[in-house]
PDB file of all heavy atoms in Angstrom:
ATOM      1  N   CYS A   1      15.228  22.062  -7.747  1.00  0.00           N
ATOM      2  CA  CYS A   1      14.317  23.111  -8.285  1.00  0.00           C
ATOM      3  C   CYS A   1      14.951  24.444  -8.066  1.00  0.00           C
ATOM      4  O   CYS A   1      15.341  24.713  -6.926  1.00  0.00           O
ATOM      5  CB  CYS A   1      12.916  22.945  -7.620  1.00  0.00           C
ATOM      6  SG  CYS A   1      11.669  23.981  -8.147  1.00  0.00           S
ATOM      7  N   GLY A   2      14.955  25.269  -9.121  1.00  0.00           N
ATOM      8  CA  GLY A   2      15.464  26.591  -9.081  1.00  0.00           C
ATOM      9  C   GLY A   2      14.417  27.633  -8.566  1.00  0.00           C
ATOM     10  O   GLY A   2      13.242  27.264  -8.414  1.00  0.00           O
ATOM     11  N   PRO A   3      14.923  28.877  -8.263  1.00  0.00           N
ATOM     12  CA  PRO A   3      13.975  29.832  -7.717  1.00  0.00           C
ATOM     13  C   PRO A   3      12.686  30.265  -8.508  1.00  0.00           C
ATOM     14  O   PRO A   3      11.723  30.500  -7.990  1.00  0.00           O
ATOM     15  CB  PRO A   3      14.860  31.053  -7.401  1.00  0.00           C
ATOM     16  CG  PRO A   3      16.000  30.793  -8.344  1.00  0.00           C
ATOM     17  CD  PRO A   3      16.201  29.407  -8.489  1.00  0.00           C
ATOM     18  N   LYS A   4      12.948  30.544  -9.955  1.00  0.00           N
ATOM     19  CA  LYS A   4      11.691  30.879 -10.723  1.00  0.00           C
ATOM     20  C   LYS A   4      10.699  29.800 -10.711  1.00  0.00           C
ATOM     21  O   LYS A   4       9.477  29.994 -10.635  1.00  0.00           O
ATOM     22  CB  LYS A   4      12.256  31.131 -12.017  1.00  0.00           C
ATOM     23  CG  LYS A   4      13.083  32.433 -12.096  1.00  0.00           C
ATOM     24  CD  LYS A   4      13.628  32.814 -13.466  1.00  0.00           C
ATOM     25  CE  LYS A   4      14.569  33.972 -13.448  1.00  0.00           C
ATOM     26  NZ  LYS A   4      15.150  34.199 -14.751  1.00  0.00           N
ATOM     27  N   ALA A   5      11.092  28.565 -10.875  1.00  0.00           N
ATOM     28  CA  ALA A   5      10.163  27.388 -10.959  1.00  0.00           C
ATOM     29  C   ALA A   5       9.470  27.283  -9.562  1.00  0.00           C
ATOM     30  O   ALA A   5       8.327  27.117  -9.503  1.00  0.00           O
ATOM     31  CB  ALA A   5      10.896  26.159 -11.328  1.00  0.00           C
ATOM     32  N   PHE A   6      10.382  27.421  -8.568  1.00  0.00           N
ATOM     33  CA  PHE A   6       9.733  27.248  -7.122  1.00  0.00           C
ATOM     34  C   PHE A   6       8.735  28.323  -6.884  1.00  0.00           C
ATOM     35  O   PHE A   6       7.662  28.021  -6.412  1.00  0.00           O
ATOM     36  CB  PHE A   6      10.784  27.334  -6.171  1.00  0.00           C
ATOM     37  CG  PHE A   6      10.402  26.878  -4.751  1.00  0.00           C
ATOM     38  CD1 PHE A   6      10.397  25.548  -4.388  1.00  0.00           C
ATOM     39  CD2 PHE A   6       9.899  27.828  -3.905  1.00  0.00           C
ATOM     40  CE1 PHE A   6       9.862  25.196  -3.113  1.00  0.00           C
ATOM     41  CE2 PHE A   6       9.308  27.427  -2.609  1.00  0.00           C
ATOM     42  CZ  PHE A   6       9.359  26.141  -2.243  1.00  0.00           C
ATOM     43  N   SER A   7       8.992  29.540  -7.242  1.00  0.00           N
ATOM     44  CA  SER A   7       7.926  30.697  -7.163  1.00  0.00           C
ATOM     45  C   SER A   7       6.703  30.459  -7.849  1.00  0.00           C
ATOM     46  O   SER A   7       5.602  30.690  -7.397  1.00  0.00           O
ATOM     47  CB  SER A   7       8.628  31.942  -7.599  1.00  0.00           C
ATOM     48  OG  SER A   7       9.687  32.316  -6.740  1.00  0.00           O
ATOM     49  N   THR A   8       6.800  29.929  -9.127  1.00  0.00           N
ATOM     50  CA  THR A   8       5.687  29.608  -9.902  1.00  0.00           C
ATOM     51  C   THR A   8       4.827  28.427  -9.328  1.00  0.00           C
ATOM     52  O   THR A   8       3.648  28.561  -9.210  1.00  0.00           O
ATOM     53  CB  THR A   8       6.049  29.124 -11.370  1.00  0.00           C
ATOM     54  OG1 THR A   8       6.826  30.171 -11.858  1.00  0.00           O
ATOM     55  CG2 THR A   8       4.840  29.064 -12.232  1.00  0.00           C
ATOM     56  N   LEU A   9       5.499  27.376  -8.781  1.00  0.00           N
ATOM     57  CA  LEU A   9       4.893  26.304  -8.080  1.00  0.00           C
ATOM     58  C   LEU A   9       4.176  26.848  -6.773  1.00  0.00           C
ATOM     59  O   LEU A   9       3.008  26.463  -6.614  1.00  0.00           O
ATOM     60  CB  LEU A   9       5.842  25.189  -7.842  1.00  0.00           C
ATOM     61  CG  LEU A   9       6.368  24.434  -8.945  1.00  0.00           C
ATOM     62  CD1 LEU A   9       7.527  23.535  -8.523  1.00  0.00           C
ATOM     63  CD2 LEU A   9       5.276  23.518  -9.533  1.00  0.00           C
ATOM     64  N   ALA A  10       4.829  27.581  -6.060  1.00  0.00           N
ATOM     65  CA  ALA A  10       4.266  28.210  -4.797  1.00  0.00           C
ATOM     66  C   ALA A  10       2.971  29.083  -5.121  1.00  0.00           C
ATOM     67  O   ALA A  10       2.074  28.944  -4.412  1.00  0.00           O
ATOM     68  CB  ALA A  10       5.267  28.972  -4.121  1.00  0.00           C
ATOM     69  N   ALA A  11       3.118  29.825  -6.174  1.00  0.00           N
ATOM     70  CA  ALA A  11       1.916  30.634  -6.545  1.00  0.00           C
ATOM     71  C   ALA A  11       0.678  29.839  -7.006  1.00  0.00           C
ATOM     72  O   ALA A  11      -0.408  30.266  -6.713  1.00  0.00           O
ATOM     73  CB  ALA A  11       2.339  31.576  -7.788  1.00  0.00           C
ATOM     74  N   ALA A  12       1.033  28.664  -7.392  1.00  0.00           N
ATOM     75  CA  ALA A  12      -0.066  27.643  -7.765  1.00  0.00           C
ATOM     76  C   ALA A  12      -0.460  26.782  -6.657  1.00  0.00           C
ATOM     77  O   ALA A  12      -1.288  25.905  -6.844  1.00  0.00           O
ATOM     78  CB  ALA A  12       0.386  26.886  -9.029  1.00  0.00           C
ATOM     79  N   LYS A  13       0.104  27.022  -5.464  1.00  0.00           N
ATOM     80  CA  LYS A  13      -0.106  26.306  -4.227  1.00  0.00           C
ATOM     81  C   LYS A  13       0.281  24.694  -4.429  1.00  0.00           C
ATOM     82  O   LYS A  13      -0.486  23.880  -3.972  1.00  0.00           O
ATOM     83  CB  LYS A  13      -1.613  26.394  -3.835  1.00  0.00           C
ATOM     84  CG  LYS A  13      -1.832  27.860  -3.423  1.00  0.00           C
ATOM     85  CD  LYS A  13      -3.213  27.953  -2.740  1.00  0.00           C
ATOM     86  CE  LYS A  13      -3.598  29.365  -2.359  1.00  0.00           C
ATOM     87  NZ  LYS A  13      -2.838  30.523  -2.619  1.00  0.00           N
ATOM     88  N   ILE A  14       1.384  24.561  -5.215  1.00  0.00           N
ATOM     89  CA  ILE A  14       1.837  23.196  -5.416  1.00  0.00           C
ATOM     90  C   ILE A  14       3.038  23.036  -4.396  1.00  0.00           C
ATOM     91  O   ILE A  14       4.015  23.757  -4.440  1.00  0.00           O
ATOM     92  CB  ILE A  14       2.363  22.892  -6.830  1.00  0.00           C
ATOM     93  CG1 ILE A  14       1.032  23.051  -7.813  1.00  0.00           C
ATOM     94  CG2 ILE A  14       2.957  21.610  -7.013  1.00  0.00           C
ATOM     95  CD1 ILE A  14       1.375  22.969  -9.228  1.00  0.00           C
ATOM     96  N   LYS A  15       2.970  21.934  -3.564  1.00  0.00           N
ATOM     97  CA  LYS A  15       4.089  21.576  -2.632  1.00  0.00           C
ATOM     98  C   LYS A  15       5.131  21.012  -3.419  1.00  0.00           C
ATOM     99  O   LYS A  15       4.961  20.292  -4.450  1.00  0.00           O
ATOM    100  CB  LYS A  15       3.506  20.660  -1.585  1.00  0.00           C
ATOM    101  CG  LYS A  15       2.345  21.198  -0.796  1.00  0.00           C
ATOM    102  CD  LYS A  15       1.699  20.145   0.066  1.00  0.00           C
ATOM    103  CE  LYS A  15       0.440  20.587   0.634  1.00  0.00           C
ATOM    104  NZ  LYS A  15      -0.352  19.616   1.219  1.00  0.00           N
ATOM    105  N   VAL A  16       6.390  21.183  -2.872  1.00  0.00           N
ATOM    106  CA  VAL A  16       7.654  20.701  -3.535  1.00  0.00           C
ATOM    107  C   VAL A  16       8.392  19.839  -2.544  1.00  0.00           C
ATOM    108  O   VAL A  16       8.674  20.293  -1.403  1.00  0.00           O
ATOM    109  CB  VAL A  16       8.496  21.827  -4.028  1.00  0.00           C
ATOM    110  CG1 VAL A  16       9.713  21.357  -4.737  1.00  0.00           C
ATOM    111  CG2 VAL A  16       7.734  22.656  -5.066  1.00  0.00           C
ATOM    112  N   VAL A  17       8.849  18.665  -3.002  1.00  0.00           N
ATOM    113  CA  VAL A  17       9.666  17.695  -2.323  1.00  0.00           C
ATOM    114  C   VAL A  17      10.951  17.631  -3.113  1.00  0.00           C
ATOM    115  O   VAL A  17      10.852  17.284  -4.277  1.00  0.00           O
ATOM    116  CB  VAL A  17       9.045  16.348  -2.156  1.00  0.00           C
ATOM    117  CG1 VAL A  17      10.077  15.443  -1.387  1.00  0.00           C
ATOM    118  CG2 VAL A  17       7.796  16.459  -1.284  1.00  0.00           C
ATOM    119  N   LEU A  18      12.163  17.947  -2.389  1.00  0.00           N
ATOM    120  CA  LEU A  18      13.435  17.882  -3.168  1.00  0.00           C
ATOM    121  C   LEU A  18      14.329  16.860  -2.601  1.00  0.00           C
ATOM    122  O   LEU A  18      14.050  16.217  -1.618  1.00  0.00           O
ATOM    123  CB  LEU A  18      14.102  19.250  -3.017  1.00  0.00           C
ATOM    124  CG  LEU A  18      13.470  20.526  -3.525  1.00  0.00           C
ATOM    125  CD1 LEU A  18      14.209  21.711  -3.210  1.00  0.00           C
ATOM    126  CD2 LEU A  18      13.160  20.389  -5.044  1.00  0.00           C
ATOM    127  N   SER A  19      15.394  16.629  -3.364  1.00  0.00           N
ATOM    128  CA  SER A  19      16.473  15.675  -3.051  1.00  0.00           C
ATOM    129  C   SER A  19      15.992  14.080  -2.993  1.00  0.00           C
ATOM    130  O   SER A  19      16.614  13.333  -2.367  1.00  0.00           O
ATOM    131  CB  SER A  19      17.124  15.967  -1.713  1.00  0.00           C
ATOM    132  OG  SER A  19      17.597  17.374  -1.768  1.00  0.00           O
ATOM    133  N   ALA A  20      14.930  13.872  -3.630  1.00  0.00           N
ATOM    134  CA  ALA A  20      14.492  12.549  -3.767  1.00  0.00           C
ATOM    135  C   ALA A  20      15.188  11.904  -4.891  1.00  0.00           C
ATOM    136  O   ALA A  20      15.715  12.383  -5.854  1.00  0.00           O
ATOM    137  CB  ALA A  20      13.012  12.430  -4.114  1.00  0.00           C
ATOM    138  N   GLN A  21      15.404  10.534  -4.753  1.00  0.00           N
ATOM    139  CA  GLN A  21      16.020   9.713  -5.885  1.00  0.00           C
ATOM    140  C   GLN A  21      15.542   8.298  -5.834  1.00  0.00           C
ATOM    141  O   GLN A  21      15.024   7.846  -4.757  1.00  0.00           O
ATOM    142  CB  GLN A  21      17.572   9.767  -5.750  1.00  0.00           C
ATOM    143  CG  GLN A  21      18.087   9.433  -4.533  1.00  0.00           C
ATOM    144  CD  GLN A  21      19.674   9.720  -4.475  1.00  0.00           C
ATOM    145  OE1 GLN A  21      20.263   9.600  -5.519  1.00  0.00           O
ATOM    146  NE2 GLN A  21      20.160  10.090  -3.387  1.00  0.00           N
ATOM    147  N   GLY A  22      15.594   7.506  -6.940  1.00  0.00           N
ATOM    148  CA  GLY A  22      15.147   6.172  -7.063  1.00  0.00           C
ATOM    149  C   GLY A  22      14.236   6.016  -8.089  1.00  0.00           C
ATOM    150  O   GLY A  22      13.959   6.930  -8.983  1.00  0.00           O
ATOM    151  N   LYS A  23      13.481   4.917  -8.114  1.00  0.00           N
ATOM    152  CA  LYS A  23      12.390   4.594  -9.060  1.00  0.00           C
ATOM    153  C   LYS A  23      11.179   5.475  -8.654  1.00  0.00           C
ATOM    154  O   LYS A  23      10.918   5.564  -7.522  1.00  0.00           O
ATOM    155  CB  LYS A  23      12.187   3.158  -9.179  1.00  0.00           C
ATOM    156  CG  LYS A  23      13.419   2.379  -9.737  1.00  0.00           C
ATOM    157  CD  LYS A  23      13.005   0.969 -10.141  1.00  0.00           C
ATOM    158  CE  LYS A  23      14.179   0.156 -10.503  1.00  0.00           C
ATOM    159  NZ  LYS A  23      14.915   0.837 -11.677  1.00  0.00           N
ATOM    160  N   VAL A  24      10.461   5.859  -9.686  1.00  0.00           N
ATOM    161  CA  VAL A  24       9.234   6.609  -9.413  1.00  0.00           C
ATOM    162  C   VAL A  24       8.335   5.997  -8.429  1.00  0.00           C
ATOM    163  O   VAL A  24       7.970   6.584  -7.391  1.00  0.00           O
ATOM    164  CB  VAL A  24       8.522   6.939 -10.667  1.00  0.00           C
ATOM    165  CG1 VAL A  24       7.096   7.523 -10.478  1.00  0.00           C
ATOM    166  CG2 VAL A  24       9.258   7.934 -11.664  1.00  0.00           C
ATOM    167  N   ASN A  25       7.945   4.770  -8.692  1.00  0.00           N
ATOM    168  CA  ASN A  25       7.017   4.018  -7.701  1.00  0.00           C
ATOM    169  C   ASN A  25       7.556   3.897  -6.244  1.00  0.00           C
ATOM    170  O   ASN A  25       6.772   4.087  -5.333  1.00  0.00           O
ATOM    171  CB  ASN A  25       6.664   2.689  -8.256  1.00  0.00           C
ATOM    172  CG  ASN A  25       7.723   1.687  -8.457  1.00  0.00           C
ATOM    173  OD1 ASN A  25       8.838   2.179  -8.485  1.00  0.00           O
ATOM    174  ND2 ASN A  25       7.326   0.425  -8.594  1.00  0.00           N
ATOM    175  N   GLU A  26       8.901   3.802  -6.075  1.00  0.00           N
ATOM    176  CA  GLU A  26       9.429   3.654  -4.788  1.00  0.00           C
ATOM    177  C   GLU A  26       9.379   5.053  -4.075  1.00  0.00           C
ATOM    178  O   GLU A  26       9.313   5.153  -2.899  1.00  0.00           O
ATOM    179  CB  GLU A  26      10.921   3.271  -4.944  1.00  0.00           C
ATOM    180  CG  GLU A  26      11.022   1.810  -5.400  1.00  0.00           C
ATOM    181  CD  GLU A  26      12.477   1.403  -5.883  1.00  0.00           C
ATOM    182  OE1 GLU A  26      13.397   2.344  -5.857  1.00  0.00           O
ATOM    183  OE2 GLU A  26      12.673   0.318  -6.151  1.00  0.00           O
ATOM    184  N   VAL A  27       9.731   6.177  -4.816  1.00  0.00           N
ATOM    185  CA  VAL A  27       9.643   7.418  -4.216  1.00  0.00           C
ATOM    186  C   VAL A  27       8.248   7.805  -3.800  1.00  0.00           C
ATOM    187  O   VAL A  27       8.053   8.339  -2.695  1.00  0.00           O
ATOM    188  CB  VAL A  27      10.219   8.418  -5.235  1.00  0.00           C
ATOM    189  CG1 VAL A  27       9.928   9.887  -4.855  1.00  0.00           C
ATOM    190  CG2 VAL A  27      11.622   8.233  -5.602  1.00  0.00           C
ATOM    191  N   VAL A  28       7.195   7.450  -4.681  1.00  0.00           N
ATOM    192  CA  VAL A  28       5.800   7.629  -4.231  1.00  0.00           C
ATOM    193  C   VAL A  28       5.547   7.015  -2.949  1.00  0.00           C
ATOM    194  O   VAL A  28       5.000   7.557  -2.009  1.00  0.00           O
ATOM    195  CB  VAL A  28       4.896   7.297  -5.303  1.00  0.00           C
ATOM    196  CG1 VAL A  28       3.485   7.294  -4.832  1.00  0.00           C
ATOM    197  CG2 VAL A  28       4.977   8.245  -6.498  1.00  0.00           C
ATOM    198  N   GLY A  29       5.932   5.686  -2.823  1.00  0.00           N
ATOM    199  CA  GLY A  29       5.759   4.973  -1.522  1.00  0.00           C
ATOM    200  C   GLY A  29       6.342   5.619  -0.433  1.00  0.00           C
ATOM    201  O   GLY A  29       5.702   5.709   0.728  1.00  0.00           O
ATOM    202  N   ARG A  30       7.566   6.195  -0.530  1.00  0.00           N
ATOM    203  CA  ARG A  30       8.372   6.853   0.532  1.00  0.00           C
ATOM    204  C   ARG A  30       7.565   8.052   0.886  1.00  0.00           C
ATOM    205  O   ARG A  30       7.473   8.368   2.111  1.00  0.00           O
ATOM    206  CB  ARG A  30       9.721   7.089   0.150  1.00  0.00           C
ATOM    207  CG  ARG A  30      10.574   5.793   0.086  1.00  0.00           C
ATOM    208  CD  ARG A  30      11.999   5.894   0.248  1.00  0.00           C
ATOM    209  NE  ARG A  30      12.609   7.040  -0.513  1.00  0.00           N
ATOM    210  CZ  ARG A  30      13.248   6.950  -1.649  1.00  0.00           C
ATOM    211  NH1 ARG A  30      13.208   5.846  -2.291  1.00  0.00           N
ATOM    212  NH2 ARG A  30      13.664   8.077  -2.278  1.00  0.00           N
ATOM    213  N   TYR A  31       7.083   8.828  -0.075  1.00  0.00           N
ATOM    214  CA  TYR A  31       6.373  10.089   0.256  1.00  0.00           C
ATOM    215  C   TYR A  31       5.019   9.814   1.027  1.00  0.00           C
ATOM    216  O   TYR A  31       4.708  10.383   1.946  1.00  0.00           O
ATOM    217  CB  TYR A  31       6.060  10.835  -1.079  1.00  0.00           C
ATOM    218  CG  TYR A  31       5.248  12.115  -0.789  1.00  0.00           C
ATOM    219  CD1 TYR A  31       5.853  13.194  -0.182  1.00  0.00           C
ATOM    220  CD2 TYR A  31       3.948  12.146  -1.173  1.00  0.00           C
ATOM    221  CE1 TYR A  31       5.118  14.339  -0.066  1.00  0.00           C
ATOM    222  CE2 TYR A  31       3.175  13.288  -0.965  1.00  0.00           C
ATOM    223  CZ  TYR A  31       3.743  14.327  -0.326  1.00  0.00           C
ATOM    224  OH  TYR A  31       2.920  15.517  -0.122  1.00  0.00           O
ATOM    225  N   LEU A  32       4.230   8.881   0.454  1.00  0.00           N
ATOM    226  CA  LEU A  32       3.012   8.472   1.228  1.00  0.00           C
ATOM    227  C   LEU A  32       3.245   7.881   2.579  1.00  0.00           C
ATOM    228  O   LEU A  32       2.299   8.083   3.481  1.00  0.00           O
ATOM    229  CB  LEU A  32       2.283   7.542   0.301  1.00  0.00           C
ATOM    230  CG  LEU A  32       1.743   8.099  -1.114  1.00  0.00           C
ATOM    231  CD1 LEU A  32       1.110   6.953  -1.965  1.00  0.00           C
ATOM    232  CD2 LEU A  32       0.797   9.241  -0.926  1.00  0.00           C
ATOM    233  N   ALA A  33       4.386   7.342   2.749  1.00  0.00           N
ATOM    234  CA  ALA A  33       4.712   6.776   4.217  1.00  0.00           C
ATOM    235  C   ALA A  33       5.202   7.812   5.050  1.00  0.00           C
ATOM    236  O   ALA A  33       5.598   7.624   6.293  1.00  0.00           O
ATOM    237  CB  ALA A  33       5.686   5.643   4.042  1.00  0.00           C
ATOM    238  N   GLY A  34       5.350   9.139   4.562  1.00  0.00           N
ATOM    239  CA  GLY A  34       5.768  10.221   5.357  1.00  0.00           C
ATOM    240  C   GLY A  34       7.323  10.355   5.473  1.00  0.00           C
ATOM    241  O   GLY A  34       7.846  11.000   6.508  1.00  0.00           O
ATOM    242  N   GLU A  35       8.103   9.666   4.628  1.00  0.00           N
ATOM    243  CA  GLU A  35       9.502   9.515   4.725  1.00  0.00           C
ATOM    244  C   GLU A  35      10.125  10.830   3.952  1.00  0.00           C
ATOM    245  O   GLU A  35      11.380  10.911   4.117  1.00  0.00           O
ATOM    246  CB  GLU A  35       9.989   8.345   4.174  1.00  0.00           C
ATOM    247  CG  GLU A  35       9.623   7.113   5.004  1.00  0.00           C
ATOM    248  CD  GLU A  35      10.047   5.759   4.394  1.00  0.00           C
ATOM    249  OE1 GLU A  35      10.853   5.757   3.508  1.00  0.00           O
ATOM    250  OE2 GLU A  35       9.306   4.710   4.824  1.00  0.00           O
ATOM    251  N   LEU A  36       9.394  11.519   3.197  1.00  0.00           N
ATOM    252  CA  LEU A  36      10.009  12.568   2.381  1.00  0.00           C
ATOM    253  C   LEU A  36       9.290  13.867   2.844  1.00  0.00           C
ATOM    254  O   LEU A  36       8.042  13.885   2.892  1.00  0.00           O
ATOM    255  CB  LEU A  36       9.754  12.358   0.875  1.00  0.00           C
ATOM    256  CG  LEU A  36      10.438  11.096   0.341  1.00  0.00           C
ATOM    257  CD1 LEU A  36      10.086  10.886  -1.183  1.00  0.00           C
ATOM    258  CD2 LEU A  36      11.989  11.202   0.426  1.00  0.00           C
ATOM    259  N   ASP A  37      10.043  14.927   3.058  1.00  0.00           N
ATOM    260  CA  ASP A  37       9.488  16.184   3.552  1.00  0.00           C
ATOM    261  C   ASP A  37       9.416  17.290   2.418  1.00  0.00           C
ATOM    262  O   ASP A  37      10.190  17.363   1.590  1.00  0.00           O
ATOM    263  CB  ASP A  37      10.284  16.725   4.695  1.00  0.00           C
ATOM    264  CG  ASP A  37      10.307  15.854   5.955  1.00  0.00           C
ATOM    265  OD1 ASP A  37       9.280  15.270   6.097  1.00  0.00           O
ATOM    266  OD2 ASP A  37      11.319  15.734   6.513  1.00  0.00           O
ATOM    267  N   GLU A  38       8.320  18.046   2.508  1.00  0.00           N
ATOM    268  CA  GLU A  38       8.241  19.222   1.643  1.00  0.00           C
ATOM    269  C   GLU A  38       9.236  20.219   1.936  1.00  0.00           C
ATOM    270  O   GLU A  38       9.847  20.294   3.129  1.00  0.00           O
ATOM    271  CB  GLU A  38       6.806  19.877   1.735  1.00  0.00           C
ATOM    272  CG  GLU A  38       5.784  18.844   1.306  1.00  0.00           C
ATOM    273  CD  GLU A  38       4.430  19.137   1.927  1.00  0.00           C
ATOM    274  OE1 GLU A  38       4.254  20.287   2.413  1.00  0.00           O
ATOM    275  OE2 GLU A  38       3.499  18.280   1.883  1.00  0.00           O
ATOM    276  N   THR A  39       9.570  21.021   1.041  1.00  0.00           N
ATOM    277  CA  THR A  39      10.630  22.078   1.247  1.00  0.00           C
ATOM    278  C   THR A  39       9.985  23.499   1.183  1.00  0.00           C
ATOM    279  O   THR A  39       8.930  23.621   0.650  1.00  0.00           O
ATOM    280  CB  THR A  39      11.759  21.982   0.162  1.00  0.00           C
ATOM    281  OG1 THR A  39      12.865  22.848   0.575  1.00  0.00           O
ATOM    282  CG2 THR A  39      11.299  22.383  -1.182  1.00  0.00           C
ATOM    283  N   ASP A  40      10.701  24.480   1.750  1.00  0.00           N
ATOM    284  CA  ASP A  40      10.203  25.772   1.687  1.00  0.00           C
ATOM    285  C   ASP A  40      10.868  26.775   0.816  1.00  0.00           C
ATOM    286  O   ASP A  40      10.773  27.982   0.788  1.00  0.00           O
ATOM    287  CB  ASP A  40      10.095  26.407   3.162  1.00  0.00           C
ATOM    288  CG  ASP A  40      11.428  26.472   3.763  1.00  0.00           C
ATOM    289  OD1 ASP A  40      12.425  26.126   3.208  1.00  0.00           O
ATOM    290  OD2 ASP A  40      11.548  26.880   4.896  1.00  0.00           O
ATOM    291  N   GLY A  41      11.831  26.168  -0.007  1.00  0.00           N
ATOM    292  CA  GLY A  41      12.472  27.124  -0.997  1.00  0.00           C
ATOM    293  C   GLY A  41      13.332  26.289  -1.966  1.00  0.00           C
ATOM    294  O   GLY A  41      13.550  25.009  -1.804  1.00  0.00           O
TER     295      GLY A  41
END
């Protein structure tokens, strides 16, 4: 995620998780299990 998009997401109070990869349902499972962290930039 680039800086302009990140700023827009932050302004909307949307959290961002970066560097994830794999199938969508697997990534959701990892996020809900606390294995993926939100980023601050």
